């Protein structure tokens, strides 16, 4: 079964259990400023930004009364997924050769860092589900993907990042699409819609990069 299908099935199963989750504790380092963009890079960043436009700002309030276990587990799982996204782009950013790809990676980093802060603010502070969601997020090939990036020769880093990141973001789009169908909280479902749109756009850009 493809990795993204396993992830979608896993989250669907977790969501339907209605379990509660707590907030993960890892804190990605401050993101760097995007590198100067080529015209193609500027278009790529604009496409990603458009997909994430309107994302809830960090610290924004959410109607906790309408938060279900379905919503909490989705948020917790997406927190883990976004944390891994930041690891992926930061690992490769200093070695990228293509200006458009470098700009796209910086835009993805900025978007997901903002979403990550918002999702952490929405999660409850206690509950057993967070560690379970984090555990399930790992072990789906992400560690092997990071190893591919670490060991890739300089001439291959751009290609490897496109492949690794496209697969990773496709999984996020699948997870978000499932949440739109089964989520209860309107704000969380709206965020899921934007995540699905932005990650799908990112995959298309990554595939289309020369």
C-alpha atoms as a PDB file:
ATOM      1  CA  UNK A   1       0.000   0.000   0.000  1.00  0.00           C
ATOM      2  CA  UNK A   2       1.463   3.440  -0.908  1.00  0.00           C
ATOM      3  CA  UNK A   3       2.727   5.483   2.041  1.00  0.00           C
ATOM      4  CA  UNK A   4       0.234   8.310   1.570  1.00  0.00           C
ATOM      5  CA  UNK A   5      -2.648   5.789   1.460  1.00  0.00           C
ATOM      6  CA  UNK A   6      -1.463   4.232   4.714  1.00  0.00           C
ATOM      7  CA  UNK A   7      -1.278   7.682   6.304  1.00  0.00           C
ATOM      8  CA  UNK A   8      -4.777   8.618   5.191  1.00  0.00           C
ATOM      9  CA  UNK A   9      -6.153   5.294   6.430  1.00  0.00           C
ATOM     10  CA  UNK A  10      -4.336   5.700   9.729  1.00  0.00           C
ATOM     11  CA  UNK A  11      -5.672   9.174  10.373  1.00  0.00           C
ATOM     12  CA  UNK A  12      -9.184   8.153   9.372  1.00  0.00           C
ATOM     13  CA  UNK A  13      -9.000   5.345  11.919  1.00  0.00           C
ATOM     14  CA  UNK A  14      -7.572   7.639  14.591  1.00  0.00           C
ATOM     15  CA  UNK A  15     -10.155  10.324  13.912  1.00  0.00           C
ATOM     16  CA  UNK A  16     -13.026   7.906  14.181  1.00  0.00           C
ATOM     17  CA  UNK A  17     -11.868   6.744  17.620  1.00  0.00           C
ATOM     18  CA  UNK A  18     -12.605  10.252  18.952  1.00  0.00           C
ATOM     19  CA  UNK A  19      -9.497  10.215  21.157  1.00  0.00           C
ATOM     20  CA  UNK A  20      -8.073  13.412  22.707  1.00  0.00           C
ATOM     21  CA  UNK A  21      -4.592  14.696  22.026  1.00  0.00           C
ATOM     22  CA  UNK A  22      -2.156  17.084  23.657  1.00  0.00           C
ATOM     23  CA  UNK A  23       0.285  19.506  22.083  1.00  0.00           C
ATOM     24  CA  UNK A  24       3.695  18.232  20.927  1.00  0.00           C
ATOM     25  CA  UNK A  25       6.687  19.741  22.635  1.00  0.00           C
ATOM     26  CA  UNK A  26       9.289  20.183  19.910  1.00  0.00           C
ATOM     27  CA  UNK A  27      10.100  23.714  18.841  1.00  0.00           C
ATOM     28  CA  UNK A  28      11.626  24.260  15.380  1.00  0.00           C
ATOM     29  CA  UNK A  29      14.263  26.972  15.276  1.00  0.00           C
ATOM     30  CA  UNK A  30      13.491  30.388  13.852  1.00  0.00           C
ATOM     31  CA  UNK A  31      13.154  30.281  10.086  1.00  0.00           C
ATOM     32  CA  UNK A  32      15.632  32.132   7.867  1.00  0.00           C
ATOM     33  CA  UNK A  33      14.579  34.880   5.504  1.00  0.00           C
ATOM     34  CA  UNK A  34      13.875  33.671   1.944  1.00  0.00           C
ATOM     35  CA  UNK A  35      16.714  34.053  -0.532  1.00  0.00           C
ATOM     36  CA  UNK A  36      16.394  36.635  -3.325  1.00  0.00           C
ATOM     37  CA  UNK A  37      13.971  35.194  -5.827  1.00  0.00           C
ATOM     38  CA  UNK A  38      14.231  34.700  -9.546  1.00  0.00           C
ATOM     39  CA  UNK A  39      11.072  35.550 -11.529  1.00  0.00           C
ATOM     40  CA  UNK A  40      10.164  31.856 -11.576  1.00  0.00           C
ATOM     41  CA  UNK A  41      10.816  31.629  -7.847  1.00  0.00           C
ATOM     42  CA  UNK A  42       8.590  34.617  -7.153  1.00  0.00           C
ATOM     43  CA  UNK A  43       5.762  32.968  -9.063  1.00  0.00           C
ATOM     44  CA  UNK A  44       6.255  29.765  -7.081  1.00  0.00           C
ATOM     45  CA  UNK A  45       6.173  31.570  -3.755  1.00  0.00           C
ATOM     46  CA  UNK A  46       3.076  33.464  -4.811  1.00  0.00           C
ATOM     47  CA  UNK A  47       1.281  30.261  -5.691  1.00  0.00           C
ATOM     48  CA  UNK A  48       2.071  28.714  -2.315  1.00  0.00           C
ATOM     49  CA  UNK A  49       1.116  31.898  -0.472  1.00  0.00           C
ATOM     50  CA  UNK A  50      -2.180  32.031  -2.282  1.00  0.00           C
ATOM     51  CA  UNK A  51      -2.946  28.476  -1.229  1.00  0.00           C
ATOM     52  CA  UNK A  52      -2.305  29.308   2.423  1.00  0.00           C
ATOM     53  CA  UNK A  53      -3.902  32.754   2.436  1.00  0.00           C
ATOM     54  CA  UNK A  54      -6.111  33.404   5.408  1.00  0.00           C
ATOM     55  CA  UNK A  55      -4.490  30.786   7.632  1.00  0.00           C
ATOM     56  CA  UNK A  56      -5.331  31.327  11.277  1.00  0.00           C
ATOM     57  CA  UNK A  57      -2.688  33.497  12.955  1.00  0.00           C
ATOM     58  CA  UNK A  58      -0.751  32.157  15.909  1.00  0.00           C
ATOM     59  CA  UNK A  59      -2.677  32.643  19.123  1.00  0.00           C
ATOM     60  CA  UNK A  60      -6.036  33.141  17.411  1.00  0.00           C
ATOM     61  CA  UNK A  61      -8.993  31.886  19.413  1.00  0.00           C
ATOM     62  CA  UNK A  62     -10.928  28.761  18.553  1.00  0.00           C
ATOM     63  CA  UNK A  63     -14.335  27.617  19.725  1.00  0.00           C
ATOM     64  CA  UNK A  64     -13.220  24.850  22.075  1.00  0.00           C
ATOM     65  CA  UNK A  65     -16.810  23.783  22.675  1.00  0.00           C
ATOM     66  CA  UNK A  66     -17.021  22.484  19.118  1.00  0.00           C
ATOM     67  CA  UNK A  67     -13.608  20.786  19.135  1.00  0.00           C
ATOM     68  CA  UNK A  68     -14.019  17.020  18.880  1.00  0.00           C
ATOM     69  CA  UNK A  69     -11.506  14.210  19.212  1.00  0.00           C
ATOM     70  CA  UNK A  70     -11.544  14.052  15.420  1.00  0.00           C
ATOM     71  CA  UNK A  71     -10.302  17.645  15.198  1.00  0.00           C
ATOM     72  CA  UNK A  72      -7.744  17.258  17.970  1.00  0.00           C
ATOM     73  CA  UNK A  73      -6.124  14.166  16.485  1.00  0.00           C
ATOM     74  CA  UNK A  74      -5.980  15.809  13.058  1.00  0.00           C
ATOM     75  CA  UNK A  75      -4.276  18.893  14.504  1.00  0.00           C
ATOM     76  CA  UNK A  76      -1.821  16.793  16.483  1.00  0.00           C
ATOM     77  CA  UNK A  77      -0.970  14.689  13.441  1.00  0.00           C
ATOM     78  CA  UNK A  78      -0.535  17.773  11.249  1.00  0.00           C
ATOM     79  CA  UNK A  79       1.725  19.353  13.867  1.00  0.00           C
ATOM     80  CA  UNK A  80       4.018  16.336  13.583  1.00  0.00           C
ATOM     81  CA  UNK A  81       3.822  16.456   9.802  1.00  0.00           C
ATOM     82  CA  UNK A  82       4.674  20.174   9.650  1.00  0.00           C
ATOM     83  CA  UNK A  83       7.549  19.730  12.083  1.00  0.00           C
ATOM     84  CA  UNK A  84       8.975  17.146   9.709  1.00  0.00           C
ATOM     85  CA  UNK A  85       8.422  19.464   6.731  1.00  0.00           C
ATOM     86  CA  UNK A  86      10.544  22.097   8.446  1.00  0.00           C
ATOM     87  CA  UNK A  87      13.264  19.522   9.072  1.00  0.00           C
ATOM     88  CA  UNK A  88      13.248  18.535   5.408  1.00  0.00           C
ATOM     89  CA  UNK A  89      13.484  22.041   3.947  1.00  0.00           C
ATOM     90  CA  UNK A  90      16.034  23.246   6.499  1.00  0.00           C
ATOM     91  CA  UNK A  91      18.236  20.242   5.893  1.00  0.00           C
ATOM     92  CA  UNK A  92      18.422  20.981   2.179  1.00  0.00           C
ATOM     93  CA  UNK A  93      18.114  24.772   2.007  1.00  0.00           C
ATOM     94  CA  UNK A  94      21.816  25.570   2.259  1.00  0.00           C
ATOM     95  CA  UNK A  95      22.722  23.183  -0.572  1.00  0.00           C
ATOM     96  CA  UNK A  96      20.070  23.999  -3.174  1.00  0.00           C
ATOM     97  CA  UNK A  97      21.306  25.281  -6.527  1.00  0.00           C
ATOM     98  CA  UNK A  98      18.089  26.220  -8.299  1.00  0.00           C
ATOM     99  CA  UNK A  99      16.861  29.698  -7.349  1.00  0.00           C
ATOM    100  CA  UNK A 100      13.195  28.876  -7.964  1.00  0.00           C
ATOM    101  CA  UNK A 101      13.396  25.745  -5.831  1.00  0.00           C
ATOM    102  CA  UNK A 102      15.188  27.643  -3.070  1.00  0.00           C
ATOM    103  CA  UNK A 103      12.451  30.289  -3.063  1.00  0.00           C
ATOM    104  CA  UNK A 104       9.709  27.654  -3.058  1.00  0.00           C
ATOM    105  CA  UNK A 105      11.342  25.883  -0.106  1.00  0.00           C
ATOM    106  CA  UNK A 106      11.549  29.184   1.792  1.00  0.00           C
ATOM    107  CA  UNK A 107       7.873  29.900   1.083  1.00  0.00           C
ATOM    108  CA  UNK A 108       6.879  26.438   2.294  1.00  0.00           C
ATOM    109  CA  UNK A 109       8.939  26.941   5.441  1.00  0.00           C
ATOM    110  CA  UNK A 110       7.315  30.305   6.183  1.00  0.00           C
ATOM    111  CA  UNK A 111       3.796  28.993   5.553  1.00  0.00           C
ATOM    112  CA  UNK A 112       4.165  25.901   7.691  1.00  0.00           C
ATOM    113  CA  UNK A 113       5.908  27.695  10.547  1.00  0.00           C
ATOM    114  CA  UNK A 114       2.892  30.034  10.790  1.00  0.00           C
ATOM    115  CA  UNK A 115       0.403  27.170  10.540  1.00  0.00           C
ATOM    116  CA  UNK A 116       2.356  25.223  13.136  1.00  0.00           C
ATOM    117  CA  UNK A 117       2.113  28.062  15.647  1.00  0.00           C
ATOM    118  CA  UNK A 118      -1.644  28.326  15.068  1.00  0.00           C
ATOM    119  CA  UNK A 119      -2.249  24.590  15.398  1.00  0.00           C
ATOM    120  CA  UNK A 120      -0.233  24.354  18.607  1.00  0.00           C
ATOM    121  CA  UNK A 121      -2.307  27.201  20.025  1.00  0.00           C
ATOM    122  CA  UNK A 122      -5.522  25.363  19.182  1.00  0.00           C
ATOM    123  CA  UNK A 123      -4.550  22.048  20.743  1.00  0.00           C
ATOM    124  CA  UNK A 124      -5.563  21.247  24.321  1.00  0.00           C
ATOM    125  CA  UNK A 125      -2.684  21.108  26.769  1.00  0.00           C
ATOM    126  CA  UNK A 126      -3.332  17.597  28.081  1.00  0.00           C
ATOM    127  CA  UNK A 127      -4.482  14.252  26.809  1.00  0.00           C
ATOM    128  CA  UNK A 128      -3.031  10.908  25.736  1.00  0.00           C
ATOM    129  CA  UNK A 129      -3.640  11.187  22.001  1.00  0.00           C
ATOM    130  CA  UNK A 130      -0.757  13.488  21.079  1.00  0.00           C
ATOM    131  CA  UNK A 131       1.985  10.989  21.786  1.00  0.00           C
ATOM    132  CA  UNK A 132       0.069   8.321  19.883  1.00  0.00           C
ATOM    133  CA  UNK A 133      -0.392  10.606  16.889  1.00  0.00           C
ATOM    134  CA  UNK A 134       3.288  11.566  16.929  1.00  0.00           C
ATOM    135  CA  UNK A 135       4.260   7.901  17.125  1.00  0.00           C
ATOM    136  CA  UNK A 136       2.067   6.998  14.183  1.00  0.00           C
ATOM    137  CA  UNK A 137       3.394   9.893  12.109  1.00  0.00           C
ATOM    138  CA  UNK A 138       6.918   8.553  12.392  1.00  0.00           C
ATOM    139  CA  UNK A 139       7.989   5.359  10.693  1.00  0.00           C
ATOM    140  CA  UNK A 140       6.330   6.126   7.350  1.00  0.00           C
ATOM    141  CA  UNK A 141       9.545   6.625   5.410  1.00  0.00           C
ATOM    142  CA  UNK A 142      10.352  10.138   6.640  1.00  0.00           C
ATOM    143  CA  UNK A 143      13.567   9.083   8.372  1.00  0.00           C
ATOM    144  CA  UNK A 144      14.732   7.363   5.205  1.00  0.00           C
ATOM    145  CA  UNK A 145      13.858  10.516   3.256  1.00  0.00           C
ATOM    146  CA  UNK A 146      15.971  12.624   5.590  1.00  0.00           C
ATOM    147  CA  UNK A 147      18.837  10.175   5.154  1.00  0.00           C
ATOM    148  CA  UNK A 148      18.497  10.514   1.369  1.00  0.00           C
ATOM    149  CA  UNK A 149      18.867  14.277   1.684  1.00  0.00           C
ATOM    150  CA  UNK A 150      21.797  14.062   4.085  1.00  0.00           C
ATOM    151  CA  UNK A 151      23.749  11.686   1.864  1.00  0.00           C
ATOM    152  CA  UNK A 152      22.798  13.107  -1.534  1.00  0.00           C
ATOM    153  CA  UNK A 153      25.760  14.481  -3.514  1.00  0.00           C
ATOM    154  CA  UNK A 154      25.582  18.226  -4.085  1.00  0.00           C
ATOM    155  CA  UNK A 155      24.646  17.702  -7.721  1.00  0.00           C
ATOM    156  CA  UNK A 156      21.597  15.620  -6.705  1.00  0.00           C
ATOM    157  CA  UNK A 157      20.214  17.615  -3.781  1.00  0.00           C
ATOM    158  CA  UNK A 158      17.707  19.588  -5.861  1.00  0.00           C
ATOM    159  CA  UNK A 159      16.282  16.435  -7.434  1.00  0.00           C
ATOM    160  CA  UNK A 160      16.142  14.541  -4.140  1.00  0.00           C
ATOM    161  CA  UNK A 161      14.406  17.412  -2.356  1.00  0.00           C
ATOM    162  CA  UNK A 162      11.767  17.643  -5.098  1.00  0.00           C
ATOM    163  CA  UNK A 163      11.055  13.935  -4.793  1.00  0.00           C
ATOM    164  CA  UNK A 164      11.081  13.797  -0.994  1.00  0.00           C
ATOM    165  CA  UNK A 165       9.086  16.961  -0.466  1.00  0.00           C
ATOM    166  CA  UNK A 166       6.513  16.203  -3.159  1.00  0.00           C
ATOM    167  CA  UNK A 167       5.786  12.831  -1.530  1.00  0.00           C
ATOM    168  CA  UNK A 168       5.636  14.387   1.939  1.00  0.00           C
ATOM    169  CA  UNK A 169       3.315  17.220   0.902  1.00  0.00           C
ATOM    170  CA  UNK A 170       1.062  14.855  -1.047  1.00  0.00           C
ATOM    171  CA  UNK A 171       0.537  12.948   2.207  1.00  0.00           C
ATOM    172  CA  UNK A 172      -0.437  16.195   3.967  1.00  0.00           C
ATOM    173  CA  UNK A 173      -2.961  16.976   1.236  1.00  0.00           C
ATOM    174  CA  UNK A 174      -4.494  13.511   1.646  1.00  0.00           C
ATOM    175  CA  UNK A 175      -4.739  13.895   5.415  1.00  0.00           C
ATOM    176  CA  UNK A 176      -6.303  17.338   5.125  1.00  0.00           C
ATOM    177  CA  UNK A 177      -8.800  16.126   2.531  1.00  0.00           C
ATOM    178  CA  UNK A 178      -9.909  13.359   4.895  1.00  0.00           C
ATOM    179  CA  UNK A 179     -10.350  15.899   7.720  1.00  0.00           C
ATOM    180  CA  UNK A 180     -12.622  18.074   5.584  1.00  0.00           C
ATOM    181  CA  UNK A 181     -14.912  15.064   5.218  1.00  0.00           C
ATOM    182  CA  UNK A 182     -15.017  13.956   8.869  1.00  0.00           C
ATOM    183  CA  UNK A 183     -14.043  17.017  10.976  1.00  0.00           C
ATOM    184  CA  UNK A 184     -16.478  18.706  13.348  1.00  0.00           C
ATOM    185  CA  UNK A 185     -14.980  22.137  14.081  1.00  0.00           C
ATOM    186  CA  UNK A 186     -15.531  24.659  11.282  1.00  0.00           C
ATOM    187  CA  UNK A 187     -12.228  26.486  11.905  1.00  0.00           C
ATOM    188  CA  UNK A 188     -10.226  23.271  11.825  1.00  0.00           C
ATOM    189  CA  UNK A 189     -12.017  22.104   8.691  1.00  0.00           C
ATOM    190  CA  UNK A 190     -11.349  25.481   7.052  1.00  0.00           C
ATOM    191  CA  UNK A 191      -7.658  25.152   7.893  1.00  0.00           C
ATOM    192  CA  UNK A 192      -7.715  21.623   6.477  1.00  0.00           C
ATOM    193  CA  UNK A 193      -9.173  22.953   3.214  1.00  0.00           C
ATOM    194  CA  UNK A 194      -6.378  25.508   2.913  1.00  0.00           C
ATOM    195  CA  UNK A 195      -3.751  22.900   3.735  1.00  0.00           C
ATOM    196  CA  UNK A 196      -5.143  20.586   1.066  1.00  0.00           C
ATOM    197  CA  UNK A 197      -5.086  23.399  -1.505  1.00  0.00           C
ATOM    198  CA  UNK A 198      -1.610  24.688  -0.657  1.00  0.00           C
ATOM    199  CA  UNK A 199       0.050  21.264  -0.444  1.00  0.00           C
ATOM    200  CA  UNK A 200      -1.534  20.205  -3.740  1.00  0.00           C
ATOM    201  CA  UNK A 201      -0.195  23.398  -5.367  1.00  0.00           C
ATOM    202  CA  UNK A 202       3.240  22.740  -3.882  1.00  0.00           C
ATOM    203  CA  UNK A 203       3.338  19.217  -5.297  1.00  0.00           C
ATOM    204  CA  UNK A 204       2.502  20.565  -8.746  1.00  0.00           C
ATOM    205  CA  UNK A 205       5.246  23.188  -8.473  1.00  0.00           C
ATOM    206  CA  UNK A 206       7.779  20.631  -7.274  1.00  0.00           C
ATOM    207  CA  UNK A 207       6.971  18.356 -10.161  1.00  0.00           C
ATOM    208  CA  UNK A 208       7.143  21.231 -12.631  1.00  0.00           C
ATOM    209  CA  UNK A 209      10.509  22.579 -11.488  1.00  0.00           C
ATOM    210  CA  UNK A 210      13.159  21.925 -14.196  1.00  0.00           C
END
